Protein backbone atom coordinates (compact mmCIF):
# COMPACT_ATOMS: atom_id res chain seq x y z
CA MET A 1 83.37 48.04 -112.10
CA LYS A 2 86.06 45.92 -110.51
CA ALA A 3 89.35 47.22 -109.16
CA ALA A 4 91.31 45.21 -111.73
CA GLU A 5 89.45 46.97 -114.54
CA LEU A 6 90.18 50.33 -112.94
CA ARG A 7 93.88 49.54 -112.58
CA ASP A 8 94.07 48.83 -116.31
CA MET A 9 92.81 52.35 -117.10
CA SER A 10 95.08 55.31 -117.75
CA ASP A 11 95.19 58.26 -115.36
CA GLU A 12 93.03 60.33 -117.72
CA GLN A 13 90.43 57.58 -118.03
CA LEU A 14 90.34 57.20 -114.25
CA GLU A 15 89.81 60.93 -113.79
CA LEU A 16 87.00 60.94 -116.34
CA THR A 17 85.34 57.92 -114.71
CA LEU A 18 85.66 59.60 -111.32
CA GLN A 19 83.98 62.77 -112.59
CA GLU A 20 81.14 60.82 -114.22
CA THR A 21 80.59 58.69 -111.12
CA ALA A 22 80.67 61.69 -108.78
CA THR A 23 78.12 63.50 -110.96
CA GLY A 24 75.88 60.44 -110.97
CA TYR A 25 76.22 60.10 -107.20
CA PHE A 26 75.29 63.76 -106.73
CA ARG A 27 72.17 63.33 -108.88
CA LEU A 28 71.17 60.21 -106.96
CA ARG A 29 71.57 62.02 -103.64
CA LEU A 30 69.38 64.86 -104.87
CA GLN A 31 66.80 62.40 -106.11
CA ALA A 32 66.89 60.52 -102.79
CA ASN A 33 66.20 63.75 -100.92
CA THR A 34 63.31 64.82 -103.12
CA GLU A 35 61.64 61.53 -104.03
CA ARG A 36 61.84 57.80 -103.62
CA LEU A 37 64.69 55.99 -105.37
CA ASP A 38 63.97 52.95 -107.52
CA ALA A 39 67.26 51.33 -106.49
CA PRO A 40 68.71 52.75 -103.27
CA SER A 41 71.64 50.35 -103.58
CA GLU A 42 72.92 52.54 -106.44
CA LEU A 43 73.99 55.13 -103.85
CA ARG A 44 76.26 52.60 -102.17
CA ARG A 45 77.59 51.34 -105.52
CA HIS A 46 78.53 54.87 -106.63
CA ARG A 47 80.10 55.74 -103.28
CA ARG A 48 82.23 52.59 -103.28
CA LEU A 49 83.30 53.08 -106.90
CA ILE A 50 84.43 56.62 -106.08
CA ALA A 51 86.44 55.25 -103.14
CA ARG A 52 88.04 52.57 -105.34
CA ILE A 53 89.06 55.12 -107.97
CA LYS A 54 90.53 57.50 -105.39
CA THR A 55 92.43 54.65 -103.75
CA ILE A 56 93.99 53.61 -107.05
CA GLN A 57 94.92 57.22 -107.81
CA ARG A 58 96.64 57.55 -104.42
CA GLN A 59 98.50 54.28 -104.92
CA ARG A 60 99.78 55.51 -108.27
CA LEU A 61 100.94 58.78 -106.72
CA ALA A 62 102.76 56.89 -103.97
CA THR A 63 104.66 54.73 -106.45
CA LYS A 64 105.80 57.64 -108.63
């Protein structure tokens, strides 16, 4: 998901997306520790998406 798409979301949608992404990232980390991942790049994708969402949330807080 691109940053522009995230900026168009409401605060509630961002929070929900963050929770879903963090849960998915947690599951992937567990899977990576117990077995081989089919797509290890998914870990990086989830981690970066979480960072993007948190950055946008902080920017919104700073402008309020």
